[in-house]
Amino acid sequence: MQTAIRILVNTPIWVFALLAYLVWQGLQSVRPRTQPLWRLLIVPLLFFLMGLSRLVLARNDGWEPLLAWFVAALLFASLALYRGVRLLAIDRKNGLVTRSGSPMPLIRNLTVFSLQYAIAVMAVMHLDGHIAAAVISRAISGATAGYFAGRTVSLLRSYRNAEK
């Protein structure tokens, strides 16, 4: 219990602000809504950068974690491209997109945030020095970056292909 409290106490304030933002965005996504396209790109950009940061800031752990990152990124980018983005309406003139309501963005945001938080805790506790932990953490980061890159490409493709 003391370890969990120490972890929470030593977590930077911006992490809690990010969590609050992700929960707020997820709760907003439960209802259908119309937003500017750029607003739909904020969460994917945040998660893409989180996933990419683990690759950029990683120690040199050998080729296995790097391979795990790239394989996971490719698999999850493919998954996101395959699933696509469901949009109800696109107003290119005003740069607006209408999405249907779903609890999935909230679930996805909390899951990805939790996994990324756990990876960060592992890194601070120097647990990612073990090859298995390094491979798992890079795979999760690669999956995060790949999924949100694929999702962004899918969104922009749908927006571009919409009738004017």
N, C-alpha and C. Protein backbone atom coordinates (compact mmCIF):
# COMPACT_ATOMS: atom_id res chain seq x y z
N MET A 1 0.82 -1.20 0.00
CA MET A 1 0.00 0.00 0.00
C MET A 1 0.86 1.26 0.00
N GLN A 2 1.97 1.21 0.75
CA GLN A 2 2.84 2.38 0.80
C GLN A 2 3.46 2.66 -0.57
N THR A 3 3.76 1.61 -1.30
CA THR A 3 4.33 1.80 -2.64
C THR A 3 3.33 2.50 -3.54
N ALA A 4 2.08 2.09 -3.49
CA ALA A 4 1.04 2.73 -4.32
C ALA A 4 0.88 4.20 -3.95
N ILE A 5 0.90 4.50 -2.67
CA ILE A 5 0.78 5.89 -2.22
C ILE A 5 1.98 6.70 -2.69
N ARG A 6 3.18 6.13 -2.58
CA ARG A 6 4.39 6.84 -3.04
C ARG A 6 4.33 7.09 -4.54
N ILE A 7 3.82 6.11 -5.27
CA ILE A 7 3.70 6.30 -6.72
C ILE A 7 2.76 7.45 -7.03
N LEU A 8 1.59 7.48 -6.39
CA LEU A 8 0.62 8.55 -6.63
C LEU A 8 1.15 9.91 -6.19
N VAL A 9 1.81 9.97 -5.05
CA VAL A 9 2.34 11.24 -4.54
C VAL A 9 3.43 11.79 -5.47
N ASN A 10 4.21 10.90 -6.06
CA ASN A 10 5.31 11.34 -6.93
C ASN A 10 4.90 11.48 -8.39
N THR A 11 3.63 11.25 -8.69
CA THR A 11 3.14 11.45 -10.05
C THR A 11 2.99 12.94 -10.31
N PRO A 12 3.55 13.42 -11.41
CA PRO A 12 3.41 14.86 -11.73
C PRO A 12 1.95 15.27 -11.87
N ILE A 13 1.67 16.49 -11.49
CA ILE A 13 0.29 17.03 -11.54
C ILE A 13 -0.28 16.97 -12.95
N TRP A 14 0.55 17.19 -13.97
CA TRP A 14 0.04 17.20 -15.34
C TRP A 14 -0.56 15.85 -15.73
N VAL A 15 -0.11 14.76 -15.10
CA VAL A 15 -0.66 13.44 -15.40
C VAL A 15 -2.12 13.37 -14.96
N PHE A 16 -2.41 13.93 -13.79
CA PHE A 16 -3.79 13.95 -13.31
C PHE A 16 -4.65 14.87 -14.17
N ALA A 17 -4.07 15.98 -14.63
CA ALA A 17 -4.80 16.87 -15.53
C ALA A 17 -5.10 16.16 -16.85
N LEU A 18 -4.14 15.41 -17.36
CA LEU A 18 -4.36 14.65 -18.58
C LEU A 18 -5.44 13.60 -18.38
N LEU A 19 -5.41 12.91 -17.25
CA LEU A 19 -6.44 11.91 -16.96
C LEU A 19 -7.82 12.57 -16.90
N ALA A 20 -7.92 13.71 -16.24
CA ALA A 20 -9.20 14.42 -16.16
C ALA A 20 -9.68 14.81 -17.56
N TYR A 21 -8.78 15.29 -18.40
CA TYR A 21 -9.14 15.66 -19.77
C TYR A 21 -9.64 14.44 -20.55
N LEU A 22 -8.95 13.32 -20.41
CA LEU A 22 -9.34 12.11 -21.13
C LEU A 22 -10.69 11.58 -20.66
N VAL A 23 -10.95 11.66 -19.35
CA VAL A 23 -12.25 11.24 -18.83
C VAL A 23 -13.33 12.18 -19.36
N TRP A 24 -13.06 13.47 -19.33
CA TRP A 24 -14.03 14.46 -19.83
C TRP A 24 -14.32 14.21 -21.31
N GLN A 25 -13.28 14.01 -22.11
CA GLN A 25 -13.47 13.73 -23.54
C GLN A 25 -14.27 12.44 -23.75
N GLY A 26 -13.94 11.42 -22.96
CA GLY A 26 -14.65 10.15 -23.08
C GLY A 26 -16.11 10.27 -22.72
N LEU A 27 -16.41 11.02 -21.66
CA LEU A 27 -17.81 11.22 -21.27
C LEU A 27 -18.56 12.03 -22.32
N GLN A 28 -17.89 12.99 -22.94
CA GLN A 28 -18.51 13.77 -24.02
C GLN A 28 -18.84 12.87 -25.22
N SER A 29 -18.03 11.85 -25.43
CA SER A 29 -18.21 10.97 -26.58
C SER A 29 -19.39 10.01 -26.44
N VAL A 30 -19.96 9.92 -25.27
CA VAL A 30 -21.10 9.02 -25.07
C VAL A 30 -22.31 9.50 -25.86
N ARG A 31 -22.41 10.81 -26.06
CA ARG A 31 -23.52 11.38 -26.83
C ARG A 31 -23.05 11.76 -28.23
N PRO A 32 -23.95 11.74 -29.20
CA PRO A 32 -23.58 12.24 -30.53
C PRO A 32 -23.21 13.72 -30.41
N ARG A 33 -22.21 14.11 -31.17
CA ARG A 33 -21.82 15.53 -31.11
C ARG A 33 -21.10 15.96 -32.37
N THR A 34 -21.16 17.26 -32.59
CA THR A 34 -20.50 17.86 -33.74
C THR A 34 -19.37 18.73 -33.22
N GLN A 35 -18.19 18.54 -33.81
CA GLN A 35 -17.00 19.28 -33.37
C GLN A 35 -16.16 19.66 -34.58
N PRO A 36 -15.28 20.63 -34.38
CA PRO A 36 -14.29 20.91 -35.44
C PRO A 36 -13.35 19.72 -35.60
N LEU A 37 -12.90 19.49 -36.79
CA LEU A 37 -12.00 18.37 -37.06
C LEU A 37 -10.77 18.41 -36.17
N TRP A 38 -10.20 19.58 -35.96
CA TRP A 38 -8.97 19.67 -35.18
C TRP A 38 -9.15 19.17 -33.76
N ARG A 39 -10.36 19.31 -33.19
CA ARG A 39 -10.60 18.82 -31.83
C ARG A 39 -10.58 17.30 -31.77
N LEU A 40 -10.98 16.65 -32.87
CA LEU A 40 -10.95 15.20 -32.91
C LEU A 40 -9.52 14.65 -33.01
N LEU A 41 -8.59 15.51 -33.30
CA LEU A 41 -7.21 15.08 -33.47
C LEU A 41 -6.37 15.23 -32.20
N ILE A 42 -6.90 15.87 -31.15
CA ILE A 42 -6.12 16.12 -29.94
C ILE A 42 -5.77 14.83 -29.21
N VAL A 43 -6.76 14.02 -28.87
CA VAL A 43 -6.50 12.79 -28.11
C VAL A 43 -5.61 11.83 -28.91
N PRO A 44 -5.89 11.59 -30.20
CA PRO A 44 -4.96 10.73 -30.95
C PRO A 44 -3.53 11.26 -30.97
N LEU A 45 -3.38 12.57 -31.08
CA LEU A 45 -2.03 13.14 -31.07
C LEU A 45 -1.34 12.90 -29.73
N LEU A 46 -2.07 13.12 -28.63
CA LEU A 46 -1.50 12.89 -27.30
C LEU A 46 -1.03 11.44 -27.14
N PHE A 47 -1.89 10.50 -27.50
CA PHE A 47 -1.54 9.10 -27.34
C PHE A 47 -0.45 8.67 -28.33
N PHE A 48 -0.46 9.22 -29.53
CA PHE A 48 0.61 8.90 -30.48
C PHE A 48 1.95 9.36 -29.92
N LEU A 49 1.98 10.58 -29.39
CA LEU A 49 3.23 11.09 -28.82
C LEU A 49 3.67 10.29 -27.60
N MET A 50 2.71 9.84 -26.78
CA MET A 50 3.06 8.99 -25.64
C MET A 50 3.72 7.70 -26.12
N GLY A 51 3.12 7.08 -27.12
CA GLY A 51 3.66 5.84 -27.63
C GLY A 51 5.02 6.03 -28.29
N LEU A 52 5.17 7.12 -29.00
CA LEU A 52 6.44 7.42 -29.67
C LEU A 52 7.52 7.77 -28.66
N SER A 53 7.15 8.43 -27.57
CA SER A 53 8.15 8.86 -26.59
C SER A 53 8.88 7.68 -25.97
N ARG A 54 8.21 6.57 -25.77
CA ARG A 54 8.87 5.39 -25.20
C ARG A 54 9.94 4.86 -26.13
N LEU A 55 9.71 5.00 -27.42
CA LEU A 55 10.71 4.56 -28.38
C LEU A 55 11.89 5.52 -28.41
N VAL A 56 11.60 6.81 -28.42
CA VAL A 56 12.64 7.82 -28.52
C VAL A 56 13.48 7.90 -27.24
N LEU A 57 12.83 7.81 -26.08
CA LEU A 57 13.52 7.96 -24.81
C LEU A 57 14.08 6.67 -24.24
N ALA A 58 13.84 5.56 -24.93
CA ALA A 58 14.26 4.25 -24.41
C ALA A 58 15.77 4.12 -24.40
N ARG A 59 16.22 3.36 -23.42
CA ARG A 59 17.64 3.01 -23.39
C ARG A 59 17.89 2.01 -24.51
N ASN A 60 19.13 1.78 -24.77
CA ASN A 60 19.48 0.80 -25.78
C ASN A 60 19.38 -0.60 -25.17
N ASP A 61 18.22 -1.23 -25.31
CA ASP A 61 17.97 -2.55 -24.73
C ASP A 61 18.15 -3.67 -25.74
N GLY A 62 18.68 -3.36 -26.87
CA GLY A 62 18.84 -4.39 -27.89
C GLY A 62 17.76 -4.26 -28.95
N TRP A 63 17.72 -5.23 -29.83
CA TRP A 63 16.81 -5.16 -30.96
C TRP A 63 15.41 -5.67 -30.63
N GLU A 64 15.25 -6.50 -29.61
CA GLU A 64 13.95 -7.10 -29.31
C GLU A 64 12.88 -6.07 -28.96
N PRO A 65 13.17 -5.12 -28.03
CA PRO A 65 12.14 -4.11 -27.73
C PRO A 65 11.81 -3.24 -28.94
N LEU A 66 12.82 -2.92 -29.72
CA LEU A 66 12.59 -2.11 -30.93
C LEU A 66 11.70 -2.86 -31.92
N LEU A 67 11.97 -4.13 -32.11
CA LEU A 67 11.15 -4.94 -32.99
C LEU A 67 9.72 -5.06 -32.46
N ALA A 68 9.59 -5.24 -31.15
CA ALA A 68 8.25 -5.32 -30.54
C ALA A 68 7.47 -4.03 -30.78
N TRP A 69 8.14 -2.89 -30.67
CA TRP A 69 7.48 -1.60 -30.89
C TRP A 69 6.96 -1.52 -32.33
N PHE A 70 7.82 -1.82 -33.30
CA PHE A 70 7.42 -1.70 -34.70
C PHE A 70 6.35 -2.72 -35.11
N VAL A 71 6.46 -3.95 -34.63
CA VAL A 71 5.45 -4.96 -34.97
C VAL A 71 4.10 -4.55 -34.38
N ALA A 72 4.09 -4.14 -33.12
CA ALA A 72 2.83 -3.72 -32.49
C ALA A 72 2.27 -2.49 -33.19
N ALA A 73 3.13 -1.55 -33.55
CA ALA A 73 2.66 -0.34 -34.25
C ALA A 73 2.02 -0.70 -35.58
N LEU A 74 2.64 -1.58 -36.34
CA LEU A 74 2.08 -1.98 -37.64
C LEU A 74 0.76 -2.74 -37.47
N LEU A 75 0.71 -3.66 -36.52
CA LEU A 75 -0.52 -4.43 -36.30
C LEU A 75 -1.68 -3.53 -35.88
N PHE A 76 -1.43 -2.64 -34.93
CA PHE A 76 -2.52 -1.80 -34.43
C PHE A 76 -2.88 -0.67 -35.40
N ALA A 77 -1.93 -0.20 -36.19
CA ALA A 77 -2.27 0.77 -37.24
C ALA A 77 -3.17 0.09 -38.27
N SER A 78 -2.85 -1.15 -38.61
CA SER A 78 -3.69 -1.90 -39.56
C SER A 78 -5.09 -2.11 -39.00
N LEU A 79 -5.16 -2.45 -37.72
CA LEU A 79 -6.46 -2.63 -37.07
C LEU A 79 -7.29 -1.35 -37.12
N ALA A 80 -6.67 -0.24 -36.80
CA ALA A 80 -7.39 1.05 -36.81
C ALA A 80 -7.83 1.42 -38.22
N LEU A 81 -6.98 1.17 -39.19
CA LEU A 81 -7.36 1.47 -40.58
C LEU A 81 -8.48 0.56 -41.05
N TYR A 82 -8.43 -0.70 -40.64
CA TYR A 82 -9.48 -1.66 -41.01
C TYR A 82 -10.82 -1.28 -40.40
N ARG A 83 -10.79 -0.94 -39.11
CA ARG A 83 -12.04 -0.58 -38.42
C ARG A 83 -12.58 0.74 -38.90
N GLY A 84 -11.72 1.66 -39.23
CA GLY A 84 -12.15 2.96 -39.70
C GLY A 84 -12.78 3.81 -38.60
N VAL A 85 -13.28 4.94 -39.00
CA VAL A 85 -13.94 5.87 -38.09
C VAL A 85 -15.36 6.06 -38.57
N ARG A 86 -16.31 5.92 -37.66
CA ARG A 86 -17.72 6.10 -38.02
C ARG A 86 -18.13 7.55 -37.81
N LEU A 87 -18.49 8.18 -38.91
CA LEU A 87 -18.92 9.58 -38.85
C LEU A 87 -20.34 9.66 -39.38
N LEU A 88 -21.16 10.47 -38.72
CA LEU A 88 -22.55 10.64 -39.16
C LEU A 88 -22.64 11.69 -40.25
N ALA A 89 -21.85 12.76 -40.11
CA ALA A 89 -21.90 13.84 -41.10
C ALA A 89 -20.57 14.58 -41.10
N ILE A 90 -20.26 15.14 -42.27
CA ILE A 90 -19.04 15.93 -42.43
C ILE A 90 -19.42 17.23 -43.11
N ASP A 91 -19.04 18.33 -42.52
CA ASP A 91 -19.27 19.66 -43.08
C ASP A 91 -17.90 20.26 -43.39
N ARG A 92 -17.41 20.00 -44.60
CA ARG A 92 -16.07 20.47 -44.95
C ARG A 92 -16.00 21.98 -45.04
N LYS A 93 -17.11 22.61 -45.40
CA LYS A 93 -17.12 24.07 -45.53
C LYS A 93 -16.77 24.72 -44.19
N ASN A 94 -17.33 24.20 -43.10
CA ASN A 94 -17.09 24.77 -41.77
C ASN A 94 -16.07 23.96 -40.96
N GLY A 95 -15.56 22.88 -41.53
CA GLY A 95 -14.57 22.06 -40.84
C GLY A 95 -15.13 21.28 -39.66
N LEU A 96 -16.42 20.87 -39.76
CA LEU A 96 -17.08 20.17 -38.66
C LEU A 96 -17.33 18.71 -38.99
N VAL A 97 -17.30 17.90 -37.95
CA VAL A 97 -17.54 16.47 -38.08
C VAL A 97 -18.54 16.07 -37.00
N THR A 98 -19.54 15.27 -37.38
CA THR A 98 -20.52 14.76 -36.42
C THR A 98 -20.27 13.27 -36.23
N ARG A 99 -20.09 12.89 -34.96
CA ARG A 99 -19.86 11.48 -34.62
C ARG A 99 -21.02 10.95 -33.81
N SER A 100 -21.24 9.65 -33.93
CA SER A 100 -22.27 9.03 -33.11
C SER A 100 -21.74 8.88 -31.69
N GLY A 101 -22.65 8.72 -30.75
CA GLY A 101 -22.26 8.53 -29.37
C GLY A 101 -21.88 7.09 -29.08
N SER A 102 -20.89 6.90 -28.22
CA SER A 102 -20.43 5.57 -27.86
C SER A 102 -19.60 5.64 -26.59
N PRO A 103 -19.69 4.63 -25.74
CA PRO A 103 -18.83 4.60 -24.55
C PRO A 103 -17.41 4.12 -24.87
N MET A 104 -17.18 3.63 -26.08
CA MET A 104 -15.88 3.07 -26.42
C MET A 104 -14.72 4.06 -26.31
N PRO A 105 -14.86 5.33 -26.71
CA PRO A 105 -13.74 6.25 -26.52
C PRO A 105 -13.33 6.40 -25.04
N LEU A 106 -14.31 6.42 -24.14
CA LEU A 106 -13.98 6.50 -22.71
C LEU A 106 -13.22 5.26 -22.27
N ILE A 107 -13.71 4.10 -22.65
CA ILE A 107 -13.05 2.85 -22.28
C ILE A 107 -11.65 2.79 -22.88
N ARG A 108 -11.54 3.14 -24.15
CA ARG A 108 -10.24 3.13 -24.84
C ARG A 108 -9.27 4.11 -24.19
N ASN A 109 -9.73 5.32 -23.91
CA ASN A 109 -8.86 6.33 -23.31
C ASN A 109 -8.34 5.88 -21.95
N LEU A 110 -9.23 5.34 -21.12
CA LEU A 110 -8.81 4.91 -19.78
C LEU A 110 -7.88 3.70 -19.84
N THR A 111 -8.14 2.80 -20.77
CA THR A 111 -7.27 1.63 -20.92
C THR A 111 -5.87 2.04 -21.38
N VAL A 112 -5.80 2.86 -22.41
CA VAL A 112 -4.50 3.29 -22.92
C VAL A 112 -3.77 4.13 -21.88
N PHE A 113 -4.48 5.02 -21.21
CA PHE A 113 -3.84 5.84 -20.17
C PHE A 113 -3.28 4.94 -19.07
N SER A 114 -4.07 3.97 -18.63
CA SER A 114 -3.62 3.06 -17.55
C SER A 114 -2.38 2.27 -17.96
N LEU A 115 -2.38 1.77 -19.18
CA LEU A 115 -1.22 1.02 -19.66
C LEU A 115 0.02 1.92 -19.76
N GLN A 116 -0.15 3.12 -20.28
CA GLN A 116 0.98 4.04 -20.40
C GLN A 116 1.48 4.48 -19.02
N TYR A 117 0.57 4.67 -18.09
CA TYR A 117 0.94 5.03 -16.72
C TYR A 117 1.74 3.89 -16.08
N ALA A 118 1.28 2.66 -16.28
CA ALA A 118 1.99 1.50 -15.73
C ALA A 118 3.40 1.39 -16.32
N ILE A 119 3.53 1.66 -17.60
CA ILE A 119 4.85 1.63 -18.24
C ILE A 119 5.76 2.70 -17.63
N ALA A 120 5.21 3.89 -17.42
CA ALA A 120 6.00 4.97 -16.82
C ALA A 120 6.45 4.60 -15.41
N VAL A 121 5.57 3.99 -14.64
CA VAL A 121 5.92 3.56 -13.29
C VAL A 121 7.01 2.50 -13.35
N MET A 122 6.89 1.56 -14.28
CA MET A 122 7.92 0.53 -14.44
C MET A 122 9.27 1.17 -14.76
N ALA A 123 9.26 2.18 -15.61
CA ALA A 123 10.51 2.83 -15.99
C ALA A 123 11.13 3.54 -14.79
N VAL A 124 10.31 4.24 -14.00
CA VAL A 124 10.82 4.94 -12.83
C VAL A 124 11.37 3.97 -11.79
N MET A 125 10.73 2.82 -11.67
CA MET A 125 11.18 1.81 -10.71
C MET A 125 12.29 0.93 -11.30
N HIS A 126 12.72 1.27 -12.52
CA HIS A 126 13.79 0.55 -13.22
C HIS A 126 13.46 -0.93 -13.44
N LEU A 127 12.17 -1.21 -13.61
CA LEU A 127 11.75 -2.59 -13.89
C LEU A 127 11.85 -2.92 -15.37
N ASP A 128 11.95 -1.86 -16.21
CA ASP A 128 12.02 -2.12 -17.64
C ASP A 128 13.43 -2.51 -18.08
N GLY A 129 14.34 -2.67 -17.12
CA GLY A 129 15.68 -3.13 -17.45
C GLY A 129 15.71 -4.61 -17.81
N HIS A 130 14.71 -5.35 -17.41
CA HIS A 130 14.60 -6.75 -17.78
C HIS A 130 14.08 -6.82 -19.21
N ILE A 131 14.61 -7.72 -19.99
CA ILE A 131 14.26 -7.77 -21.41
C ILE A 131 12.77 -8.01 -21.63
N ALA A 132 12.15 -8.87 -20.83
CA ALA A 132 10.71 -9.14 -21.00
C ALA A 132 9.90 -7.88 -20.73
N ALA A 133 10.23 -7.17 -19.67
CA ALA A 133 9.51 -5.93 -19.35
C ALA A 133 9.74 -4.88 -20.43
N ALA A 134 10.96 -4.81 -20.95
CA ALA A 134 11.26 -3.84 -22.01
C ALA A 134 10.47 -4.16 -23.27
N VAL A 135 10.38 -5.44 -23.62
CA VAL A 135 9.64 -5.83 -24.81
C VAL A 135 8.15 -5.52 -24.63
N ILE A 136 7.60 -5.86 -23.47
CA ILE A 136 6.18 -5.60 -23.22
C ILE A 136 5.89 -4.10 -23.24
N SER A 137 6.73 -3.31 -22.58
CA SER A 137 6.47 -1.87 -22.54
C SER A 137 6.59 -1.24 -23.92
N ARG A 138 7.57 -1.68 -24.72
CA ARG A 138 7.70 -1.14 -26.07
C ARG A 138 6.55 -1.60 -26.95
N ALA A 139 6.09 -2.84 -26.77
CA ALA A 139 4.96 -3.33 -27.56
C ALA A 139 3.70 -2.51 -27.25
N ILE A 140 3.46 -2.22 -25.99
CA ILE A 140 2.30 -1.41 -25.62
C ILE A 140 2.42 -0.01 -26.21
N SER A 141 3.61 0.56 -26.12
CA SER A 141 3.81 1.90 -26.68
C SER A 141 3.67 1.90 -28.20
N GLY A 142 4.20 0.87 -28.84
CA GLY A 142 4.05 0.77 -30.29
C GLY A 142 2.60 0.59 -30.70
N ALA A 143 1.87 -0.23 -29.93
CA ALA A 143 0.45 -0.44 -30.22
C ALA A 143 -0.32 0.88 -30.07
N THR A 144 0.02 1.64 -29.04
CA THR A 144 -0.63 2.94 -28.83
C THR A 144 -0.36 3.88 -30.00
N ALA A 145 0.91 4.03 -30.34
CA ALA A 145 1.27 4.94 -31.43
C ALA A 145 0.66 4.48 -32.75
N GLY A 146 0.75 3.18 -33.03
CA GLY A 146 0.21 2.66 -34.28
C GLY A 146 -1.29 2.81 -34.39
N TYR A 147 -2.01 2.46 -33.32
CA TYR A 147 -3.47 2.54 -33.35
C TYR A 147 -3.93 3.98 -33.60
N PHE A 148 -3.35 4.91 -32.87
CA PHE A 148 -3.82 6.29 -33.02
C PHE A 148 -3.33 6.94 -34.31
N ALA A 149 -2.21 6.49 -34.84
CA ALA A 149 -1.79 6.96 -36.16
C ALA A 149 -2.76 6.43 -37.21
N GLY A 150 -3.10 5.16 -37.14
CA GLY A 150 -4.06 4.57 -38.08
C GLY A 150 -5.42 5.21 -37.98
N ARG A 151 -5.86 5.48 -36.76
CA ARG A 151 -7.15 6.11 -36.55
C ARG A 151 -7.18 7.52 -37.14
N THR A 152 -6.10 8.24 -36.97
CA THR A 152 -6.01 9.59 -37.52
C THR A 152 -6.03 9.56 -39.03
N VAL A 153 -5.29 8.65 -39.62
CA VAL A 153 -5.30 8.51 -41.08
C VAL A 153 -6.70 8.17 -41.57
N SER A 154 -7.37 7.27 -40.88
CA SER A 154 -8.74 6.89 -41.24
C SER A 154 -9.69 8.08 -41.15
N LEU A 155 -9.58 8.85 -40.08
CA LEU A 155 -10.42 10.04 -39.92
C LEU A 155 -10.17 11.05 -41.03
N LEU A 156 -8.90 11.34 -41.29
CA LEU A 156 -8.58 12.32 -42.32
C LEU A 156 -8.98 11.84 -43.71
N ARG A 157 -8.88 10.54 -43.94
CA ARG A 157 -9.30 9.97 -45.22
C ARG A 157 -10.81 10.13 -45.39
N SER A 158 -11.58 9.81 -44.34
CA SER A 158 -13.04 9.98 -44.40
C SER A 158 -13.42 11.43 -44.62
N TYR A 159 -12.72 12.31 -43.96
CA TYR A 159 -13.00 13.75 -44.09
C TYR A 159 -12.70 14.21 -45.50
N ARG A 160 -11.54 13.80 -46.04
CA ARG A 160 -11.13 14.20 -47.38
C ARG A 160 -12.07 13.66 -48.46
N ASN A 161 -12.53 12.42 -48.28
CA ASN A 161 -13.37 11.78 -49.29
C ASN A 161 -14.84 12.16 -49.22
N ALA A 162 -15.22 12.93 -48.21
CA ALA A 162 -16.62 13.35 -48.09
C ALA A 162 -16.98 14.30 -49.22
N GLU A 163 -18.22 14.23 -49.62
CA GLU A 163 -18.69 15.13 -50.67
C GLU A 163 -18.70 16.56 -50.15
N LYS A 164 -18.37 17.46 -51.03
CA LYS A 164 -18.32 18.89 -50.64
C LYS A 164 -19.69 19.47 -50.53
